[in-house]
Amino acid sequence: MVEDRMGDCWSYTKDQFDNLEKHTQWGIEFVEKYTKFVKERSEIETSYAKQIRNLSKKYQPKKNSREEEENKFSFCRAFVMTLNELNDYAGQHEVIAENLTSQIIAELSRYLQEIKTERKSHFHDGRKAQQHIESSWKQLESCKRRFERDCKEADRAQQYFEKMDADINVTKADVEKARQQAQMRHQMASDSKNDYSAYLQKFNQEQNEHYYTIIPNIFQKLQDMEEKRIERIGVCMKTFADVDRQVLPIVGKCLDGMTKAAESIEPKTDSKQVVESYKSGFEPPGDVEFEDYGQAMKRTASDTSLSNAREGKEKPAGKTKTKLWPFIKNKNKLSLKLGSGPEDFSHLPPEQRRKKLQGKIDELSKDIQKEMDQRDALTKMKDVYIKNPQMGDPTSVDPRLTEIGQNIEKLQSEMQKFEGWLAEVEERMPSKSDTQRRSLYETQNNTTVSNNCAQDRESSPDGSYTEEQNSETQVKANINPEPIPNPTSTTPEFDDEFDDEETLPTIGTCKALYPFEGHNEGTISVAEGELLYVIEEDKGDGWTRVRRNEDEEGYVPTSYVEVFLETNAKGAMTYI
């Protein structure tokens, strides 16, 4: 019965180990499955971020292309800002993928190795303890059987001695021999009994320790290991949600940026840009006089009519055709689109020609100023060399100074040529009354349109268009509260209508990297991450002029903001 009971206990314990082994193995497999799930989620985030970045890059304006030049319109700039915010939005998904990899996948991979090693160690100790108690039981059984065998031998020896002692025919020597044999067997049985008793006591102690100490400790370790595994899974699931929650503020800022970009669209300003871009300067043709049927139809003479534009080129009256610009079609449209035309832009309407000439003059002015700055720098260097000959040879600067002087003379000559053409165009511009009417209309609409903005598509008198490279314009910032006369104004009648300081146009955007209080006069306070409009870039003094809305503008340190200038307005000065 004892053997059956011990066998049942060992079988039960072994079954418990088998069950625990299966359960803990299933737990490890679950951790591996969850790790694979997070890894696939990370790959999806990486792929999504890559696709979003490619989408943003695909629709970004290309350099030296019409798309980039069209950014002078507010809706185009808003679209570019949306693309930039979308690019930042993609970056947040990359952050999610990186955090999932570093905070969950890497941690669970390391933990899997640790739990596998720990599990293997615990089950190894359990099997070792089980084998030890089974071995002790076998030794106890061996001692028990030996004691039983010695007892039986002692009983047989005693019975044989008693039989020999009762037999009168047996010699005394045989009886003595049988008695000694019986005594020896009894001694052996006594020794076996003592061994069996001692080992039984030892076995009971080991068995008690096995079932009440060793096995419970192993089960407790396995339980602790399982609880830690479950707790680690819970922490990882919480981290899985926190990784997304951490980027929500920045994602919200990206979406807010897209909303602000949409709100910055100004339909009226854009429409004025189109009007200003294609304004020709021609006056409507005069009334046509009634003539007799037999006479050729004539048009009333007009200073800007097309009939007077071709003086000296008379045509037979019978072949004269009435052409009303801008409804004329030109077969030479292709050549104009390719940018071929005279140097004085005489193929353009008066207003467009004036803008082109003014832009060319501004460009030459910048080049002359650049050359003069180089000449001044070299002159100072030469003076230093003269005062300190050990620093360099003063004559080494002379060739470069001569070259710069020749360049300045060439540029000045070129500038005088364009100024002459500009003066010629302005003489033929509409009268003062027309200019005043146009100025009054623009004043009533509270919209100031730059007269020298770069053109993407120029309109010609015969209805054709030309695409030319944008010329950089300059934005002149009036810091003083009193208006400063414009030295380059070519239409004084138009300027008389604007006595107040006009709003500077936007030349780009910027994002505040750090908060700035702006206590000093002329500065403006900004918050970290705030998006502002740039109206005047850094002139080398470390300050950038920005605008928050129509009433708030001022200077901020250039190092405190990240500036995104429009290509066609970078470093520009616009003379209104």
Protein backbone atom coordinates (compact mmCIF):
# COMPACT_ATOMS: atom_id res chain seq x y z
CA MET A 1 0.00 0.00 0.00
CA VAL A 2 2.87 2.34 0.86
CA GLU A 3 4.48 1.66 -2.48
CA ASP A 4 1.22 2.38 -4.30
CA ARG A 5 0.75 5.63 -2.40
CA MET A 6 4.30 6.78 -3.13
CA GLY A 7 3.90 5.89 -6.76
CA ASP A 8 0.72 7.97 -6.97
CA CYS A 9 2.45 10.98 -5.39
CA TRP A 10 5.40 10.80 -7.78
CA SER A 11 3.07 10.41 -10.75
CA TYR A 12 1.01 13.42 -9.60
CA THR A 13 4.11 15.54 -9.13
CA LYS A 14 5.44 14.55 -12.53
CA ASP A 15 2.09 15.42 -14.11
CA GLN A 16 2.17 18.84 -12.45
CA PHE A 17 5.63 19.50 -13.87
CA ASP A 18 4.40 18.50 -17.32
CA ASN A 19 1.41 20.84 -17.07
CA LEU A 20 3.55 23.73 -15.87
CA GLU A 21 6.07 23.08 -18.61
CA LYS A 22 3.35 23.24 -21.26
CA HIS A 23 1.81 26.40 -19.79
CA THR A 24 5.09 28.30 -19.46
CA GLN A 25 6.06 27.30 -22.99
CA TRP A 26 2.73 28.66 -24.24
CA GLY A 27 3.42 31.90 -22.34
CA ILE A 28 6.79 32.30 -24.07
CA GLU A 29 5.17 31.65 -27.44
CA PHE A 30 2.62 34.38 -26.65
CA VAL A 31 5.41 36.87 -25.94
CA GLU A 32 7.01 35.94 -29.26
CA LYS A 33 3.67 36.43 -31.04
CA TYR A 34 3.15 39.86 -29.46
CA THR A 35 6.71 40.86 -30.40
CA LYS A 36 6.02 39.88 -34.00
CA PHE A 37 2.78 41.91 -33.92
CA VAL A 38 4.59 45.07 -32.74
CA LYS A 39 7.33 44.52 -35.31
CA GLU A 40 4.81 44.36 -38.15
CA ARG A 41 3.10 47.50 -36.81
CA SER A 42 6.48 49.28 -36.81
CA GLU A 43 7.10 48.21 -40.41
CA ILE A 44 3.68 49.57 -41.40
CA GLU A 45 4.45 52.93 -39.74
CA THR A 46 7.83 53.09 -41.52
CA SER A 47 6.27 52.27 -44.88
CA TYR A 48 3.46 54.80 -44.35
CA ALA A 49 5.91 57.54 -43.37
CA LYS A 50 8.01 56.79 -46.46
CA GLN A 51 4.97 56.99 -48.74
CA ILE A 52 3.86 60.28 -47.15
CA ARG A 53 7.37 61.75 -47.56
CA ASN A 54 7.49 60.65 -51.20
CA LEU A 55 4.07 62.19 -51.78
CA SER A 56 5.19 65.48 -50.23
CA LYS A 57 8.41 65.46 -52.22
CA LYS A 58 6.58 64.63 -55.46
CA TYR A 59 4.38 67.72 -55.27
CA GLN A 60 7.04 70.13 -53.99
CA PRO A 61 7.74 72.93 -56.52
CA LYS A 62 10.68 72.11 -58.78
CA LYS A 63 13.56 74.54 -59.05
CA ASN A 64 13.62 76.75 -62.14
CA SER A 65 10.11 75.66 -63.02
CA ARG A 66 6.77 77.35 -63.46
CA GLU A 67 5.42 75.69 -60.31
CA GLU A 68 8.03 77.43 -58.18
CA GLU A 69 7.37 80.80 -59.82
CA GLU A 70 3.65 80.51 -59.15
CA ASN A 71 4.31 80.56 -55.41
CA LYS A 72 3.67 84.30 -55.46
CA PHE A 73 -0.01 83.34 -55.15
CA SER A 74 -1.26 82.75 -51.61
CA PHE A 75 -2.98 79.47 -52.46
CA CYS A 76 0.26 78.11 -53.94
CA ARG A 77 2.20 79.14 -50.83
CA ALA A 78 -0.50 77.54 -48.67
CA PHE A 79 -0.13 74.31 -50.63
CA VAL A 80 3.65 74.37 -50.11
CA MET A 81 3.14 74.96 -46.38
CA THR A 82 0.71 72.04 -46.32
CA LEU A 83 3.32 69.83 -48.00
CA ASN A 84 5.92 70.88 -45.44
CA GLU A 85 3.56 70.13 -42.57
CA LEU A 86 2.72 66.80 -44.18
CA ASN A 87 6.43 66.02 -44.30
CA ASP A 88 6.68 66.76 -40.56
CA TYR A 89 3.59 64.60 -40.04
CA ALA A 90 5.39 61.71 -41.76
CA GLY A 91 8.33 62.26 -39.43
CA GLN A 92 6.10 61.61 -36.43
CA HIS A 93 5.15 58.22 -37.84
CA GLU A 94 8.86 57.49 -38.17
CA VAL A 95 9.21 58.43 -34.49
CA ILE A 96 6.43 55.96 -33.66
CA ALA A 97 8.25 53.20 -35.55
CA GLU A 98 11.56 54.00 -33.84
CA ASN A 99 10.00 54.06 -30.36
CA LEU A 100 8.16 50.79 -30.97
CA THR A 101 11.43 49.18 -32.01
CA SER A 102 13.54 50.54 -29.14
CA GLN A 103 11.01 50.46 -26.29
CA ILE A 104 9.07 47.26 -27.06
CA ILE A 105 10.66 45.02 -29.68
CA ALA A 106 14.21 45.28 -28.35
CA GLU A 107 13.08 44.91 -24.73
CA LEU A 108 10.88 41.88 -25.41
CA SER A 109 13.60 40.20 -27.48
CA ARG A 110 16.03 40.55 -24.59
CA TYR A 111 13.41 39.44 -22.07
CA LEU A 112 12.59 36.34 -24.12
CA GLN A 113 16.17 35.15 -23.81
CA GLU A 114 16.12 35.74 -20.06
CA ILE A 115 12.79 33.96 -19.45
CA LYS A 116 13.81 30.97 -21.54
CA THR A 117 17.01 30.58 -19.51
CA GLU A 118 15.16 31.01 -16.21
CA ARG A 119 12.45 28.52 -17.17
CA LYS A 120 15.02 25.95 -18.22
CA SER A 121 16.84 26.34 -14.89
CA HIS A 122 13.68 25.90 -12.79
CA PHE A 123 12.55 22.74 -14.57
CA HIS A 124 16.06 21.35 -14.39
CA ASP A 125 16.04 21.79 -10.59
CA GLY A 126 12.61 20.16 -10.38
CA ARG A 127 13.66 17.11 -12.37
CA LYS A 128 16.84 16.81 -10.34
CA ALA A 129 14.88 16.86 -7.06
CA GLN A 130 12.42 14.32 -8.42
CA GLN A 131 15.20 12.00 -9.50
CA HIS A 132 16.89 12.34 -6.09
CA ILE A 133 13.77 11.38 -4.11
CA GLU A 134 13.11 8.45 -6.45
CA SER A 135 16.70 7.24 -5.98
CA SER A 136 16.34 7.51 -2.17
CA TRP A 137 13.14 5.51 -2.32
CA LYS A 138 14.86 2.75 -4.27
CA GLN A 139 17.68 2.56 -1.73
CA LEU A 140 15.12 2.38 1.07
CA GLU A 141 13.37 -0.46 -0.72
CA SER A 142 16.71 -2.27 -1.06
CA CYS A 143 17.41 -1.96 2.69
CA LYS A 144 13.93 -3.18 3.47
CA ARG A 145 14.27 -6.25 1.26
CA ARG A 146 17.69 -7.06 2.74
CA PHE A 147 16.25 -6.79 6.27
CA GLU A 148 13.37 -9.04 5.29
CA ARG A 149 15.74 -11.60 3.76
CA ASP A 150 18.03 -11.59 6.82
CA CYS A 151 15.05 -12.10 9.13
CA LYS A 152 13.88 -15.09 7.16
CA GLU A 153 17.38 -16.56 7.17
CA ALA A 154 17.63 -16.04 10.93
CA ASP A 155 14.29 -17.82 11.46
CA ARG A 156 15.40 -20.80 9.35
CA ALA A 157 18.73 -20.96 11.20
CA GLN A 158 16.92 -20.89 14.55
CA GLN A 159 14.54 -23.63 13.50
CA TYR A 160 17.43 -25.79 12.26
CA PHE A 161 19.28 -25.27 15.57
CA GLU A 162 16.25 -26.25 17.61
CA LYS A 163 15.78 -29.35 15.48
CA MET A 164 19.44 -30.39 15.86
CA ASP A 165 19.31 -29.73 19.59
CA ALA A 166 16.26 -32.00 20.00
CA ASP A 167 17.76 -34.84 17.95
CA ILE A 168 19.69 -37.27 20.27
CA ASN A 169 21.48 -38.79 17.37
CA VAL A 170 23.22 -35.55 16.41
CA THR A 171 26.66 -34.95 17.84
CA LYS A 172 27.31 -32.10 20.20
CA ALA A 173 29.62 -30.48 17.68
CA ASP A 174 26.90 -30.32 15.06
CA VAL A 175 24.53 -28.82 17.58
CA GLU A 176 27.09 -26.18 18.52
CA LYS A 177 27.70 -25.41 14.88
CA ALA A 178 23.95 -24.97 14.28
CA ARG A 179 23.71 -22.73 17.34
CA GLN A 180 26.54 -20.50 16.13
CA GLN A 181 24.94 -20.30 12.69
CA ALA A 182 21.66 -19.23 14.21
CA GLN A 183 23.34 -16.58 16.32
CA MET A 184 25.19 -15.23 13.24
CA ARG A 185 21.94 -15.01 11.27
CA HIS A 186 20.22 -13.23 14.13
CA GLN A 187 23.09 -10.71 14.25
CA MET A 188 22.85 -10.11 10.52
CA ALA A 189 19.12 -9.58 10.82
CA SER A 190 19.69 -7.16 13.67
CA ASP A 191 22.24 -5.20 11.60
CA SER A 192 19.89 -5.09 8.60
CA LYS A 193 17.14 -3.88 10.88
CA ASN A 194 19.32 -1.09 12.18
CA ASP A 195 20.35 -0.08 8.60
CA TYR A 196 16.77 -0.15 7.40
CA SER A 197 15.60 1.91 10.37
CA ALA A 198 18.33 4.52 9.87
CA TYR A 199 17.76 4.85 6.12
CA LEU A 200 14.00 4.96 6.61
CA GLN A 201 14.41 7.89 8.95
CA LYS A 202 16.72 9.61 6.44
CA PHE A 203 14.27 8.98 3.60
CA ASN A 204 11.37 10.40 5.55
CA GLN A 205 13.35 13.57 6.20
CA GLU A 206 14.31 13.92 2.51
CA GLN A 207 10.76 13.19 1.42
CA ASN A 208 9.39 15.79 3.82
CA GLU A 209 11.93 18.34 2.57
CA HIS A 210 11.12 17.40 -1.05
CA TYR A 211 7.36 17.86 -0.77
CA TYR A 212 7.30 20.73 1.70
CA THR A 213 10.36 22.79 0.71
CA ILE A 214 12.09 21.95 -2.58
CA ILE A 215 9.08 21.39 -4.84
CA PRO A 216 7.05 24.32 -3.39
CA ASN A 217 10.06 26.62 -3.89
CA ILE A 218 10.39 25.54 -7.52
CA PHE A 219 6.67 26.02 -8.10
CA GLN A 220 6.87 29.46 -6.47
CA LYS A 221 9.75 30.49 -8.75
CA LEU A 222 7.76 29.34 -11.77
CA GLN A 223 4.77 31.30 -10.52
CA ASP A 224 6.89 34.44 -10.02
CA MET A 225 8.35 34.00 -13.49
CA GLU A 226 4.88 33.72 -14.99
CA GLU A 227 3.63 36.79 -13.12
CA LYS A 228 6.63 38.82 -14.32
CA ARG A 229 5.95 37.69 -17.88
CA ILE A 230 2.31 38.78 -17.66
CA GLU A 231 3.32 42.08 -16.04
CA ARG A 232 5.89 42.73 -18.78
CA ILE A 233 3.25 42.12 -21.45
CA GLY A 234 0.97 44.63 -19.73
CA VAL A 235 3.73 47.25 -19.59
CA CYS A 236 4.48 46.74 -23.27
CA MET A 237 0.81 47.11 -24.18
CA LYS A 238 0.69 50.38 -22.23
CA THR A 239 3.87 51.57 -23.96
CA PHE A 240 2.28 50.63 -27.28
CA ALA A 241 -0.45 53.19 -26.62
CA ASP A 242 1.88 55.79 -25.05
CA VAL A 243 4.12 55.79 -28.13
CA ASP A 244 1.17 57.09 -30.18
CA ARG A 245 0.04 59.46 -27.47
CA GLN A 246 3.48 61.11 -27.24
CA VAL A 247 3.38 62.31 -30.85
CA LEU A 248 -0.21 63.57 -30.75
CA PRO A 249 0.79 67.15 -29.70
CA ILE A 250 3.21 67.46 -32.62
CA VAL A 251 0.70 65.86 -35.00
CA GLY A 252 -1.82 68.41 -33.75
CA LYS A 253 0.65 71.22 -34.51
CA CYS A 254 1.12 69.84 -38.02
CA LEU A 255 -2.65 69.82 -38.55
CA ASP A 256 -2.90 73.32 -37.08
CA GLY A 257 -0.21 74.42 -39.53
CA MET A 258 -2.25 73.02 -42.41
CA THR A 259 -5.30 74.89 -41.12
CA LYS A 260 -3.36 78.15 -40.82
CA ALA A 261 -2.01 77.65 -44.32
CA ALA A 262 -5.56 77.30 -45.62
CA GLU A 263 -6.68 80.36 -43.68
CA SER A 264 -3.79 82.41 -45.11
CA ILE A 265 -5.22 82.18 -48.63
CA GLU A 266 -6.27 85.62 -49.89
CA PRO A 267 -8.49 85.38 -53.00
CA LYS A 268 -8.62 89.12 -53.60
CA THR A 269 -4.85 89.49 -53.35
CA ASP A 270 -4.33 86.60 -55.77
CA SER A 271 -6.79 88.05 -58.24
CA LYS A 272 -5.00 91.39 -58.02
CA GLN A 273 -1.75 89.56 -58.73
CA VAL A 274 -3.27 88.15 -61.92
CA VAL A 275 -4.58 91.56 -62.94
CA GLU A 276 -1.21 93.16 -62.30
CA SER A 277 0.64 90.37 -64.08
CA TYR A 278 -1.31 90.67 -67.34
CA LYS A 279 -2.09 94.39 -67.31
CA SER A 280 -0.97 95.70 -70.69
CA GLY A 281 -1.26 99.49 -70.36
CA PHE A 282 -3.24 99.85 -73.59
CA GLU A 283 -6.29 102.05 -73.68
CA PRO A 284 -9.52 100.80 -75.23
CA PRO A 285 -9.86 101.74 -78.91
CA GLY A 286 -11.88 104.81 -79.83
CA ASP A 287 -15.27 104.87 -81.52
CA VAL A 288 -15.47 104.01 -85.22
CA GLU A 289 -16.85 106.80 -87.38
CA PHE A 290 -19.63 106.23 -89.84
CA GLU A 291 -18.50 106.51 -93.42
CA ASP A 292 -20.11 106.17 -96.75
CA TYR A 293 -20.42 102.72 -98.28
CA GLY A 294 -17.91 103.44 -100.95
CA GLN A 295 -15.21 104.68 -98.57
CA ALA A 296 -12.84 102.57 -96.46
CA MET A 297 -13.70 102.30 -92.79
CA LYS A 298 -11.37 104.22 -90.53
CA ARG A 299 -10.83 104.12 -86.83
CA THR A 300 -10.73 107.18 -84.66
CA ALA A 301 -7.19 108.15 -83.95
CA SER A 302 -5.97 107.20 -80.48
CA ASP A 303 -2.63 107.65 -78.80
CA THR A 304 -2.50 103.99 -77.87
CA SER A 305 -4.49 102.42 -80.71
CA LEU A 306 -2.83 99.82 -82.87
CA SER A 307 -3.39 101.85 -86.02
CA ASN A 308 -1.09 104.59 -84.73
CA ALA A 309 1.45 102.06 -83.47
CA ARG A 310 2.50 101.46 -87.05
CA GLU A 311 3.16 104.97 -88.26
CA GLY A 312 4.90 105.26 -91.55
CA LYS A 313 3.65 101.85 -92.69
CA GLU A 314 0.63 102.67 -94.84
CA LYS A 315 -1.44 99.90 -96.34
CA PRO A 316 -3.94 100.03 -99.14
CA ALA A 317 -7.35 101.02 -97.83
CA GLY A 318 -9.02 98.02 -99.43
CA LYS A 319 -6.92 95.56 -97.44
CA THR A 320 -7.18 97.24 -94.04
CA LYS A 321 -8.67 94.94 -91.34
CA THR A 322 -9.96 96.11 -87.99
CA LYS A 323 -8.02 94.32 -85.21
CA LEU A 324 -9.13 94.79 -81.65
CA TRP A 325 -6.50 93.71 -79.06
CA PRO A 326 -6.57 91.38 -77.08
CA PHE A 327 -8.62 89.26 -79.48
CA ILE A 328 -5.74 88.97 -81.98
CA LYS A 329 -4.03 85.64 -82.60
CA ASN A 330 -0.38 85.46 -83.57
CA LYS A 331 1.22 82.69 -85.55
CA ASN A 332 4.57 83.51 -83.94
CA LYS A 333 3.34 82.53 -80.48
CA LEU A 334 5.92 79.77 -80.16
CA SER A 335 8.89 82.06 -80.49
CA LEU A 336 7.53 84.35 -77.77
CA LYS A 337 6.94 81.44 -75.44
CA LEU A 338 10.49 80.34 -75.82
CA GLY A 339 11.62 83.72 -74.51
CA SER A 340 13.07 85.04 -77.76
CA GLY A 341 12.58 88.77 -78.16
CA PRO A 342 14.43 92.06 -78.40
CA GLU A 343 16.59 93.21 -75.55
CA ASP A 344 14.42 96.26 -74.85
CA PHE A 345 11.29 94.07 -74.48
CA SER A 346 9.57 96.06 -77.23
CA HIS A 347 7.50 93.01 -78.12
CA LEU A 348 5.57 93.38 -74.81
CA PRO A 349 2.65 95.67 -73.94
CA PRO A 350 3.66 99.00 -72.35
CA GLU A 351 2.86 98.05 -68.74
CA GLN A 352 4.57 94.66 -69.03
CA ARG A 353 7.53 96.25 -70.80
CA ARG A 354 7.85 98.84 -68.03
CA LYS A 355 7.87 96.08 -65.39
CA LYS A 356 10.49 94.09 -67.24
CA LEU A 357 12.70 97.13 -67.71
CA GLN A 358 12.30 98.14 -64.07
CA GLY A 359 13.16 94.61 -62.97
CA LYS A 360 16.24 94.62 -65.18
CA ILE A 361 17.32 97.98 -63.73
CA ASP A 362 16.86 96.67 -60.18
CA GLU A 363 18.89 93.60 -61.04
CA LEU A 364 21.69 95.73 -62.49
CA SER A 365 21.58 97.98 -59.41
CA LYS A 366 22.15 94.97 -57.20
CA ASP A 367 25.02 93.78 -59.36
CA ILE A 368 26.61 97.25 -59.28
CA GLN A 369 26.24 97.42 -55.51
CA LYS A 370 27.81 93.98 -55.17
CA GLU A 371 30.77 95.01 -57.30
CA MET A 372 31.15 98.23 -55.33
CA ASP A 373 31.14 96.29 -52.07
CA GLN A 374 33.89 94.05 -53.42
CA ARG A 375 35.85 97.11 -54.53
CA ASP A 376 35.53 98.71 -51.08
CA ALA A 377 36.66 95.48 -49.41
CA LEU A 378 39.69 95.18 -51.69
CA THR A 379 40.52 98.84 -51.15
CA LYS A 380 40.53 98.30 -47.39
CA MET A 381 42.68 95.22 -47.86
CA LYS A 382 45.13 97.23 -49.96
CA ASP A 383 45.32 99.92 -47.27
CA VAL A 384 46.10 97.25 -44.69
CA TYR A 385 48.84 95.84 -46.92
CA ILE A 386 50.30 99.35 -47.37
CA LYS A 387 50.37 99.94 -43.62
CA ASN A 388 51.60 96.40 -42.88
CA PRO A 389 53.70 95.14 -45.81
CA GLN A 390 54.47 91.90 -43.99
CA MET A 391 50.81 90.88 -44.39
CA GLY A 392 50.86 91.03 -48.19
CA ASP A 393 51.83 92.86 -51.37
CA PRO A 394 49.57 95.89 -52.07
CA THR A 395 50.13 95.60 -55.84
CA SER A 396 48.62 92.09 -55.86
CA VAL A 397 45.18 93.63 -55.39
CA ASP A 398 45.44 96.08 -58.32
CA PRO A 399 44.49 93.62 -61.14
CA ARG A 400 41.31 92.65 -59.32
CA LEU A 401 40.46 96.31 -58.60
CA THR A 402 40.92 97.14 -62.28
CA GLU A 403 38.67 94.25 -63.29
CA ILE A 404 35.98 95.33 -60.84
CA GLY A 405 36.16 98.90 -62.12
CA GLN A 406 35.64 97.71 -65.68
CA ASN A 407 32.71 95.58 -64.57
CA ILE A 408 31.12 98.56 -62.79
CA GLU A 409 31.50 100.74 -65.89
CA LYS A 410 29.96 98.02 -68.04
CA LEU A 411 27.05 97.56 -65.67
CA GLN A 412 26.47 101.32 -65.38
CA SER A 413 26.44 101.64 -69.17
CA GLU A 414 23.97 98.79 -69.39
CA MET A 415 21.84 100.38 -66.69
CA GLN A 416 21.78 103.75 -68.51
CA LYS A 417 20.59 101.97 -71.62
CA PHE A 418 17.67 100.34 -69.81
CA GLU A 419 16.85 103.59 -67.98
CA GLY A 420 16.56 105.30 -71.35
CA TRP A 421 14.17 102.65 -72.60
CA LEU A 422 12.20 102.94 -69.35
CA ALA A 423 11.88 106.72 -69.73
CA GLU A 424 10.68 106.20 -73.29
CA VAL A 425 7.99 103.78 -72.11
CA GLU A 426 6.82 106.05 -69.29
CA GLU A 427 6.32 108.91 -71.74
CA ARG A 428 3.84 106.75 -73.62
CA MET A 429 2.01 105.51 -70.50
CA PRO A 430 -1.68 106.51 -69.90
CA SER A 431 -2.55 110.01 -68.73
CA LYS A 432 -2.66 111.19 -65.14
CA SER A 433 -6.44 110.96 -64.91
CA ASP A 434 -6.36 107.27 -65.81
CA THR A 435 -3.63 106.67 -63.26
CA GLN A 436 -5.61 108.48 -60.57
CA ARG A 437 -8.73 106.50 -61.36
CA ARG A 438 -6.76 103.26 -61.09
CA SER A 439 -5.10 104.39 -57.85
CA LEU A 440 -8.46 105.33 -56.34
CA TYR A 441 -9.92 101.96 -57.25
CA GLU A 442 -7.01 100.10 -55.72
CA THR A 443 -7.13 102.27 -52.58
CA GLN A 444 -10.82 101.51 -52.07
CA ASN A 445 -10.10 97.80 -52.23
CA ASN A 446 -7.28 98.15 -49.63
CA THR A 447 -4.98 96.20 -51.91
CA THR A 448 -1.50 97.32 -52.90
CA VAL A 449 -0.06 95.48 -55.85
CA SER A 450 3.64 95.68 -56.64
CA ASN A 451 4.34 97.26 -60.03
CA ASN A 452 7.54 95.31 -60.58
CA CYS A 453 6.64 91.73 -59.46
CA ALA A 454 8.21 88.94 -61.51
CA GLN A 455 6.06 87.45 -64.24
CA ASP A 456 5.56 83.81 -65.07
CA ARG A 457 3.56 84.48 -68.20
CA GLU A 458 3.71 87.80 -70.03
CA SER A 459 0.87 88.92 -72.29
CA SER A 460 1.69 90.42 -75.67
CA PRO A 461 -0.44 92.89 -77.62
CA ASP A 462 -1.50 90.23 -80.09
CA GLY A 463 -2.82 87.86 -77.40
CA SER A 464 0.22 85.57 -77.22
CA TYR A 465 2.18 84.76 -74.06
CA THR A 466 5.80 84.45 -73.15
CA GLU A 467 7.41 82.56 -70.26
CA GLU A 468 10.55 84.16 -68.89
CA GLN A 469 12.86 83.55 -65.95
CA ASN A 470 11.79 85.37 -62.77
CA SER A 471 13.98 88.32 -61.94
CA GLU A 472 14.63 88.96 -58.28
CA THR A 473 12.81 92.01 -56.93
CA GLN A 474 13.70 93.99 -53.89
CA VAL A 475 11.40 94.72 -50.96
CA LYS A 476 12.13 98.10 -49.48
CA ALA A 477 11.19 98.22 -45.76
CA ASN A 478 10.22 101.60 -44.32
CA ILE A 479 10.94 101.41 -40.58
CA ASN A 480 10.22 105.10 -39.88
CA PRO A 481 6.60 106.02 -39.16
CA GLU A 482 6.72 108.83 -41.72
CA PRO A 483 6.56 107.83 -45.40
CA ILE A 484 9.81 108.03 -47.36
CA PRO A 485 9.60 109.09 -50.99
CA ASN A 486 10.38 106.32 -53.42
CA PRO A 487 13.53 107.25 -55.35
CA THR A 488 12.80 104.82 -58.17
CA SER A 489 9.15 105.68 -58.74
CA THR A 490 8.40 106.20 -62.41
CA THR A 491 4.78 107.33 -62.04
CA PRO A 492 4.62 110.27 -59.60
CA GLU A 493 0.88 110.66 -60.17
CA PHE A 494 0.36 107.14 -58.83
CA ASP A 495 2.56 107.75 -55.78
CA ASP A 496 0.64 110.87 -54.83
CA GLU A 497 -2.35 108.70 -54.05
CA PHE A 498 -0.44 106.81 -51.31
CA ASP A 499 0.88 109.08 -48.57
CA ASP A 500 0.86 106.43 -45.84
CA GLU A 501 3.33 103.63 -45.33
CA GLU A 502 2.20 100.54 -47.22
CA THR A 503 2.22 96.97 -45.95
CA LEU A 504 5.31 95.03 -46.92
CA PRO A 505 4.62 91.87 -48.94
CA THR A 506 5.37 88.44 -47.55
CA ILE A 507 8.63 86.92 -48.84
CA GLY A 508 8.45 83.63 -46.93
CA THR A 509 7.57 81.96 -43.65
CA CYS A 510 9.45 81.05 -40.49
CA LYS A 511 9.03 78.77 -37.50
CA ALA A 512 10.12 79.84 -34.00
CA LEU A 513 12.71 77.45 -32.56
CA TYR A 514 12.77 79.14 -29.12
CA PRO A 515 10.47 81.54 -27.22
CA PHE A 516 11.37 85.23 -27.43
CA GLU A 517 9.89 87.88 -25.09
CA GLY A 518 10.50 90.94 -27.28
CA HIS A 519 10.62 93.64 -24.57
CA ASN A 520 12.56 96.20 -26.66
CA GLU A 521 10.85 98.65 -28.98
CA GLY A 522 10.49 97.35 -32.52
CA THR A 523 10.65 93.67 -31.50
CA ILE A 524 7.79 91.18 -31.29
CA SER A 525 7.31 88.32 -28.84
CA VAL A 526 6.98 84.80 -30.25
CA ALA A 527 6.24 81.38 -28.77
CA GLU A 528 8.18 78.23 -29.50
CA GLY A 529 6.86 76.46 -32.60
CA GLU A 530 4.81 79.49 -33.75
CA LEU A 531 4.56 80.06 -37.52
CA LEU A 532 5.03 83.63 -38.79
CA TYR A 533 5.35 85.44 -42.11
CA VAL A 534 8.74 86.87 -43.10
CA ILE A 535 8.53 90.38 -44.58
CA GLU A 536 12.22 91.31 -44.41
CA GLU A 537 15.15 88.91 -44.16
CA ASP A 538 18.32 89.37 -42.12
CA LYS A 539 20.49 92.19 -43.51
CA GLY A 540 23.55 91.02 -41.60
CA ASP A 541 22.61 92.55 -38.23
CA GLY A 542 21.18 89.30 -36.82
CA TRP A 543 17.50 90.40 -36.92
CA THR A 544 14.64 89.24 -39.16
CA ARG A 545 11.41 91.19 -39.60
CA VAL A 546 8.26 89.08 -39.28
CA ARG A 547 4.49 89.55 -39.22
CA ARG A 548 1.86 87.70 -37.18
CA ASN A 549 -1.19 89.44 -38.64
CA GLU A 550 -2.08 92.78 -40.22
CA ASP A 551 -1.51 94.72 -36.98
CA GLU A 552 1.39 92.81 -35.37
CA GLU A 553 4.87 92.82 -36.85
CA GLY A 554 8.40 93.39 -35.58
CA TYR A 555 11.93 92.02 -35.37
CA VAL A 556 13.08 88.71 -33.87
CA PRO A 557 16.64 87.28 -33.59
CA THR A 558 17.48 85.33 -36.75
CA SER A 559 18.99 82.53 -34.66
CA TYR A 560 15.64 82.05 -32.89
CA VAL A 561 13.72 81.12 -36.06
CA GLU A 562 13.99 78.75 -39.00
CA VAL A 563 13.32 80.75 -42.18
CA PHE A 564 11.73 79.37 -45.37
CA LEU A 565 12.12 82.06 -48.04
CA GLU A 566 10.30 81.89 -51.33
CA THR A 567 12.75 81.43 -54.19
CA ASN A 568 11.39 84.33 -56.22
CA ALA A 569 11.45 86.65 -53.19
CA LYS A 570 14.69 85.66 -51.46
CA GLY A 571 16.79 88.70 -50.58
CA ALA A 572 14.33 90.91 -52.46
CA MET A 573 13.51 94.61 -52.27
CA THR A 574 10.25 95.72 -53.86
CA TYR A 575 9.73 99.35 -54.74
CA ILE A 576 6.04 100.05 -54.44
